[in-house]
N, C-alpha and C. Protein backbone atom coordinates (compact mmCIF):
# COMPACT_ATOMS: atom_id res chain seq x y z
N MET A 1 -19.44 -7.89 10.08
CA MET A 1 -18.08 -7.43 9.89
C MET A 1 -17.98 -5.96 10.30
N LEU A 2 -16.89 -5.63 10.95
CA LEU A 2 -16.65 -4.28 11.45
C LEU A 2 -16.32 -3.33 10.29
N ASP A 3 -17.00 -2.19 10.25
CA ASP A 3 -16.71 -1.18 9.23
C ASP A 3 -15.58 -0.30 9.74
N THR A 4 -14.40 -0.48 9.16
CA THR A 4 -13.22 0.26 9.61
C THR A 4 -12.94 1.50 8.76
N THR A 5 -13.92 1.91 8.00
CA THR A 5 -13.76 3.10 7.16
C THR A 5 -13.28 4.32 7.93
N PRO A 6 -13.78 4.59 9.14
CA PRO A 6 -13.28 5.76 9.86
C PRO A 6 -11.76 5.74 10.08
N LEU A 7 -11.21 4.58 10.33
CA LEU A 7 -9.76 4.48 10.54
C LEU A 7 -9.02 4.69 9.23
N THR A 8 -9.44 4.01 8.20
CA THR A 8 -8.71 4.14 6.93
C THR A 8 -8.82 5.57 6.39
N ARG A 9 -9.94 6.22 6.59
CA ARG A 9 -10.07 7.62 6.16
C ARG A 9 -9.15 8.53 6.96
N ALA A 10 -9.10 8.33 8.28
CA ALA A 10 -8.24 9.16 9.13
C ALA A 10 -6.78 8.97 8.75
N VAL A 11 -6.37 7.74 8.55
CA VAL A 11 -4.98 7.44 8.17
C VAL A 11 -4.67 8.04 6.80
N ASP A 12 -5.56 7.86 5.85
CA ASP A 12 -5.33 8.39 4.51
C ASP A 12 -5.27 9.92 4.52
N HIS A 13 -6.11 10.55 5.33
CA HIS A 13 -6.10 12.01 5.43
C HIS A 13 -4.77 12.51 6.01
N PHE A 14 -4.32 11.88 7.08
CA PHE A 14 -3.05 12.26 7.69
C PHE A 14 -1.91 12.05 6.69
N ALA A 15 -1.93 10.94 5.99
CA ALA A 15 -0.88 10.66 5.01
C ALA A 15 -0.89 11.70 3.89
N ASP A 16 -2.06 12.07 3.42
CA ASP A 16 -2.15 13.10 2.37
C ASP A 16 -1.60 14.43 2.86
N ARG A 17 -1.89 14.77 4.11
CA ARG A 17 -1.38 16.02 4.68
C ARG A 17 0.14 15.99 4.80
N LEU A 18 0.68 14.83 5.17
CA LEU A 18 2.13 14.70 5.24
C LEU A 18 2.77 14.85 3.87
N ARG A 19 2.17 14.24 2.87
CA ARG A 19 2.72 14.32 1.52
C ARG A 19 2.72 15.75 0.99
N ALA A 20 1.75 16.54 1.43
CA ALA A 20 1.63 17.92 0.98
C ALA A 20 2.47 18.89 1.83
N ALA A 21 2.97 18.43 2.94
CA ALA A 21 3.71 19.30 3.85
C ALA A 21 5.09 19.62 3.30
N PRO A 22 5.56 20.83 3.58
CA PRO A 22 6.92 21.17 3.15
C PRO A 22 7.96 20.37 3.95
N GLN A 23 9.11 20.23 3.36
CA GLN A 23 10.19 19.48 4.02
C GLN A 23 10.50 20.06 5.39
N SER A 24 10.44 21.36 5.52
CA SER A 24 10.75 21.99 6.82
C SER A 24 9.78 21.53 7.90
N ARG A 25 8.52 21.34 7.57
CA ARG A 25 7.53 20.87 8.55
C ARG A 25 7.82 19.43 8.93
N LEU A 26 8.19 18.62 7.95
CA LEU A 26 8.55 17.23 8.23
C LEU A 26 9.75 17.17 9.17
N GLN A 27 10.73 18.02 8.91
CA GLN A 27 11.95 18.04 9.72
C GLN A 27 11.69 18.54 11.14
N ARG A 28 10.69 19.39 11.29
CA ARG A 28 10.40 19.95 12.62
C ARG A 28 9.57 19.01 13.49
N GLY A 29 9.37 17.82 13.04
CA GLY A 29 8.71 16.86 13.91
C GLY A 29 7.52 16.12 13.34
N ALA A 30 6.97 16.59 12.23
CA ALA A 30 5.80 15.91 11.67
C ALA A 30 6.14 14.48 11.25
N ALA A 31 7.30 14.29 10.65
CA ALA A 31 7.69 12.94 10.21
C ALA A 31 7.95 12.03 11.39
N ALA A 32 8.58 12.57 12.43
CA ALA A 32 8.84 11.77 13.63
C ALA A 32 7.53 11.37 14.30
N GLU A 33 6.58 12.27 14.34
CA GLU A 33 5.27 11.97 14.91
C GLU A 33 4.58 10.87 14.10
N ALA A 34 4.67 10.97 12.79
CA ALA A 34 4.07 9.97 11.92
C ALA A 34 4.73 8.60 12.11
N LEU A 35 6.04 8.60 12.22
CA LEU A 35 6.74 7.33 12.45
C LEU A 35 6.31 6.71 13.78
N GLY A 36 6.21 7.52 14.80
CA GLY A 36 5.74 7.01 16.10
C GLY A 36 4.35 6.40 15.99
N LEU A 37 3.48 7.07 15.26
CA LEU A 37 2.13 6.54 15.05
C LEU A 37 2.18 5.24 14.26
N ALA A 38 2.95 5.22 13.19
CA ALA A 38 3.05 4.00 12.38
C ALA A 38 3.54 2.83 13.22
N ARG A 39 4.53 3.09 14.05
CA ARG A 39 5.05 2.02 14.91
C ARG A 39 3.98 1.52 15.89
N GLU A 40 3.20 2.44 16.45
CA GLU A 40 2.16 2.04 17.40
C GLU A 40 1.05 1.27 16.69
N LEU A 41 0.63 1.73 15.54
CA LEU A 41 -0.42 1.02 14.79
C LEU A 41 0.06 -0.37 14.39
N ALA A 42 1.31 -0.48 13.95
CA ALA A 42 1.86 -1.78 13.58
C ALA A 42 1.97 -2.70 14.79
N ARG A 43 2.38 -2.14 15.92
CA ARG A 43 2.48 -2.94 17.15
C ARG A 43 1.12 -3.51 17.53
N ARG A 44 0.10 -2.66 17.48
CA ARG A 44 -1.25 -3.12 17.83
C ARG A 44 -1.74 -4.20 16.87
N ALA A 45 -1.49 -4.03 15.59
CA ALA A 45 -1.91 -5.04 14.62
C ALA A 45 -1.22 -6.37 14.88
N GLN A 46 0.06 -6.32 15.16
CA GLN A 46 0.81 -7.56 15.41
C GLN A 46 0.30 -8.26 16.66
N LEU A 47 0.00 -7.49 17.71
CA LEU A 47 -0.49 -8.09 18.94
C LEU A 47 -1.87 -8.71 18.76
N LEU A 48 -2.71 -8.10 17.93
CA LEU A 48 -4.02 -8.68 17.67
C LEU A 48 -3.90 -9.96 16.84
N GLU A 49 -2.96 -9.97 15.91
CA GLU A 49 -2.77 -11.14 15.07
C GLU A 49 -2.14 -12.30 15.82
N ASP A 50 -1.18 -12.00 16.67
CA ASP A 50 -0.46 -13.05 17.40
C ASP A 50 -0.03 -12.51 18.77
N PRO A 51 -0.92 -12.59 19.76
CA PRO A 51 -0.62 -12.03 21.08
C PRO A 51 0.59 -12.65 21.77
N SER A 52 0.98 -13.83 21.37
CA SER A 52 2.10 -14.50 22.03
C SER A 52 3.47 -14.10 21.46
N ALA A 53 3.47 -13.44 20.31
CA ALA A 53 4.73 -13.06 19.66
C ALA A 53 5.15 -11.66 20.09
N GLU A 54 6.43 -11.45 20.14
CA GLU A 54 6.99 -10.13 20.42
C GLU A 54 6.84 -9.27 19.15
N PRO A 55 6.16 -8.11 19.25
CA PRO A 55 6.01 -7.27 18.05
C PRO A 55 7.36 -6.77 17.54
N ARG A 56 7.47 -6.71 16.23
CA ARG A 56 8.67 -6.16 15.60
C ARG A 56 8.45 -4.67 15.39
N GLU A 57 9.52 -3.89 15.56
CA GLU A 57 9.39 -2.45 15.40
C GLU A 57 9.55 -2.05 13.94
N MET A 58 8.67 -1.20 13.49
CA MET A 58 8.76 -0.69 12.12
C MET A 58 10.02 0.16 12.02
N PRO A 59 10.83 -0.05 10.99
CA PRO A 59 12.08 0.71 10.86
C PRO A 59 11.81 2.15 10.43
N ASP A 60 12.77 3.00 10.70
CA ASP A 60 12.71 4.38 10.24
C ASP A 60 13.21 4.39 8.80
N ALA A 61 12.30 4.63 7.87
CA ALA A 61 12.64 4.63 6.45
C ALA A 61 12.87 6.05 5.92
N GLY A 62 12.93 7.01 6.82
CA GLY A 62 13.17 8.40 6.42
C GLY A 62 11.90 9.22 6.39
N MET A 63 12.09 10.52 6.48
CA MET A 63 10.94 11.40 6.62
C MET A 63 10.00 11.38 5.42
N PHE A 64 10.51 11.10 4.24
CA PHE A 64 9.65 11.09 3.07
C PHE A 64 8.84 9.80 2.94
N ALA A 65 9.13 8.82 3.75
CA ALA A 65 8.38 7.56 3.74
C ALA A 65 7.33 7.51 4.85
N ALA A 66 7.31 8.50 5.72
CA ALA A 66 6.41 8.47 6.88
C ALA A 66 4.95 8.34 6.48
N ALA A 67 4.54 9.03 5.43
CA ALA A 67 3.14 8.94 4.99
C ALA A 67 2.79 7.52 4.56
N ASP A 68 3.70 6.90 3.82
CA ASP A 68 3.45 5.53 3.39
C ASP A 68 3.44 4.57 4.57
N GLN A 69 4.28 4.82 5.55
CA GLN A 69 4.35 3.94 6.70
C GLN A 69 3.06 3.99 7.53
N ILE A 70 2.49 5.19 7.73
CA ILE A 70 1.23 5.22 8.49
C ILE A 70 0.09 4.61 7.67
N THR A 71 0.15 4.77 6.36
CA THR A 71 -0.88 4.18 5.52
C THR A 71 -0.86 2.65 5.62
N VAL A 72 0.30 2.08 5.48
CA VAL A 72 0.42 0.61 5.55
C VAL A 72 0.03 0.11 6.93
N ALA A 73 0.56 0.72 7.97
CA ALA A 73 0.27 0.27 9.33
C ALA A 73 -1.20 0.45 9.67
N GLY A 74 -1.78 1.56 9.28
CA GLY A 74 -3.19 1.81 9.56
C GLY A 74 -4.12 0.85 8.85
N HIS A 75 -3.82 0.58 7.60
CA HIS A 75 -4.66 -0.35 6.84
C HIS A 75 -4.47 -1.78 7.35
N ASP A 76 -3.27 -2.13 7.76
CA ASP A 76 -3.04 -3.45 8.36
C ASP A 76 -3.85 -3.60 9.64
N LEU A 77 -3.82 -2.57 10.48
CA LEU A 77 -4.58 -2.62 11.73
C LEU A 77 -6.07 -2.73 11.44
N ALA A 78 -6.54 -1.99 10.46
CA ALA A 78 -7.97 -2.03 10.13
C ALA A 78 -8.44 -3.44 9.78
N LEU A 79 -7.56 -4.24 9.21
CA LEU A 79 -7.93 -5.61 8.84
C LEU A 79 -8.12 -6.54 10.02
N VAL A 80 -7.52 -6.21 11.16
CA VAL A 80 -7.57 -7.14 12.30
C VAL A 80 -8.35 -6.62 13.50
N LEU A 81 -8.86 -5.41 13.42
CA LEU A 81 -9.65 -4.89 14.54
C LEU A 81 -10.88 -5.76 14.78
N ARG A 82 -11.22 -5.90 16.06
CA ARG A 82 -12.30 -6.82 16.42
C ARG A 82 -13.60 -6.13 16.81
N ASP A 83 -13.53 -4.89 17.30
CA ASP A 83 -14.75 -4.27 17.78
C ASP A 83 -14.68 -2.74 17.70
N GLU A 84 -15.81 -2.12 17.98
CA GLU A 84 -15.94 -0.66 17.89
C GLU A 84 -15.01 0.07 18.84
N ALA A 85 -14.76 -0.50 20.01
CA ALA A 85 -13.88 0.15 20.99
C ALA A 85 -12.45 0.23 20.45
N GLU A 86 -11.97 -0.86 19.89
CA GLU A 86 -10.62 -0.85 19.29
C GLU A 86 -10.56 0.13 18.12
N LEU A 87 -11.62 0.18 17.33
CA LEU A 87 -11.67 1.10 16.20
C LEU A 87 -11.63 2.55 16.68
N ALA A 88 -12.45 2.87 17.65
CA ALA A 88 -12.49 4.24 18.17
C ALA A 88 -11.14 4.66 18.76
N GLU A 89 -10.50 3.75 19.45
CA GLU A 89 -9.18 4.04 20.03
C GLU A 89 -8.14 4.29 18.94
N ALA A 90 -8.17 3.51 17.89
CA ALA A 90 -7.22 3.68 16.79
C ALA A 90 -7.46 5.00 16.06
N VAL A 91 -8.71 5.35 15.82
CA VAL A 91 -9.02 6.61 15.16
C VAL A 91 -8.54 7.78 16.02
N ALA A 92 -8.76 7.69 17.32
CA ALA A 92 -8.31 8.75 18.23
C ALA A 92 -6.79 8.89 18.19
N LEU A 93 -6.07 7.77 18.13
CA LEU A 93 -4.61 7.83 18.04
C LEU A 93 -4.16 8.59 16.79
N VAL A 94 -4.80 8.30 15.69
CA VAL A 94 -4.43 8.95 14.43
C VAL A 94 -4.73 10.45 14.51
N GLU A 95 -5.91 10.80 14.99
CA GLU A 95 -6.30 12.21 15.06
C GLU A 95 -5.38 12.99 16.00
N GLU A 96 -5.03 12.40 17.13
CA GLU A 96 -4.14 13.07 18.09
C GLU A 96 -2.74 13.25 17.50
N ALA A 97 -2.24 12.23 16.82
CA ALA A 97 -0.92 12.32 16.20
C ALA A 97 -0.90 13.40 15.12
N GLN A 98 -1.96 13.48 14.35
CA GLN A 98 -2.02 14.50 13.31
C GLN A 98 -2.00 15.91 13.92
N LYS A 99 -2.71 16.09 15.01
CA LYS A 99 -2.71 17.40 15.69
C LYS A 99 -1.30 17.72 16.18
N ARG A 100 -0.65 16.75 16.81
CA ARG A 100 0.71 16.99 17.31
C ARG A 100 1.68 17.27 16.16
N ALA A 101 1.45 16.65 15.01
CA ALA A 101 2.34 16.84 13.86
C ALA A 101 2.13 18.21 13.22
N GLY A 102 0.98 18.80 13.45
CA GLY A 102 0.72 20.12 12.91
C GLY A 102 0.48 20.15 11.41
N VAL A 103 -0.08 19.08 10.90
CA VAL A 103 -0.38 19.05 9.46
C VAL A 103 -1.85 18.80 9.23
């Protein structure tokens, strides 16, 4: 079984940083970056689970929900990853998004 701890740790760290960020930082783009990441992680999870289905887009639940959205999407993706390459790519996505978010 694939150890997806690096992904869940990265997602949880980013989510914790978002929760600790001031509202002004969220408004300046951190929440939008997190939502974009959550949508991408959810899209990847859906495609791995059912490649023939059209992925559904995660809704925008507001800037204060962004941390929860990346947590849910990241943990969902971790459950369906198949190999180390997919894991490494997902971790890189999270780390890059966190850098762009500035948190």
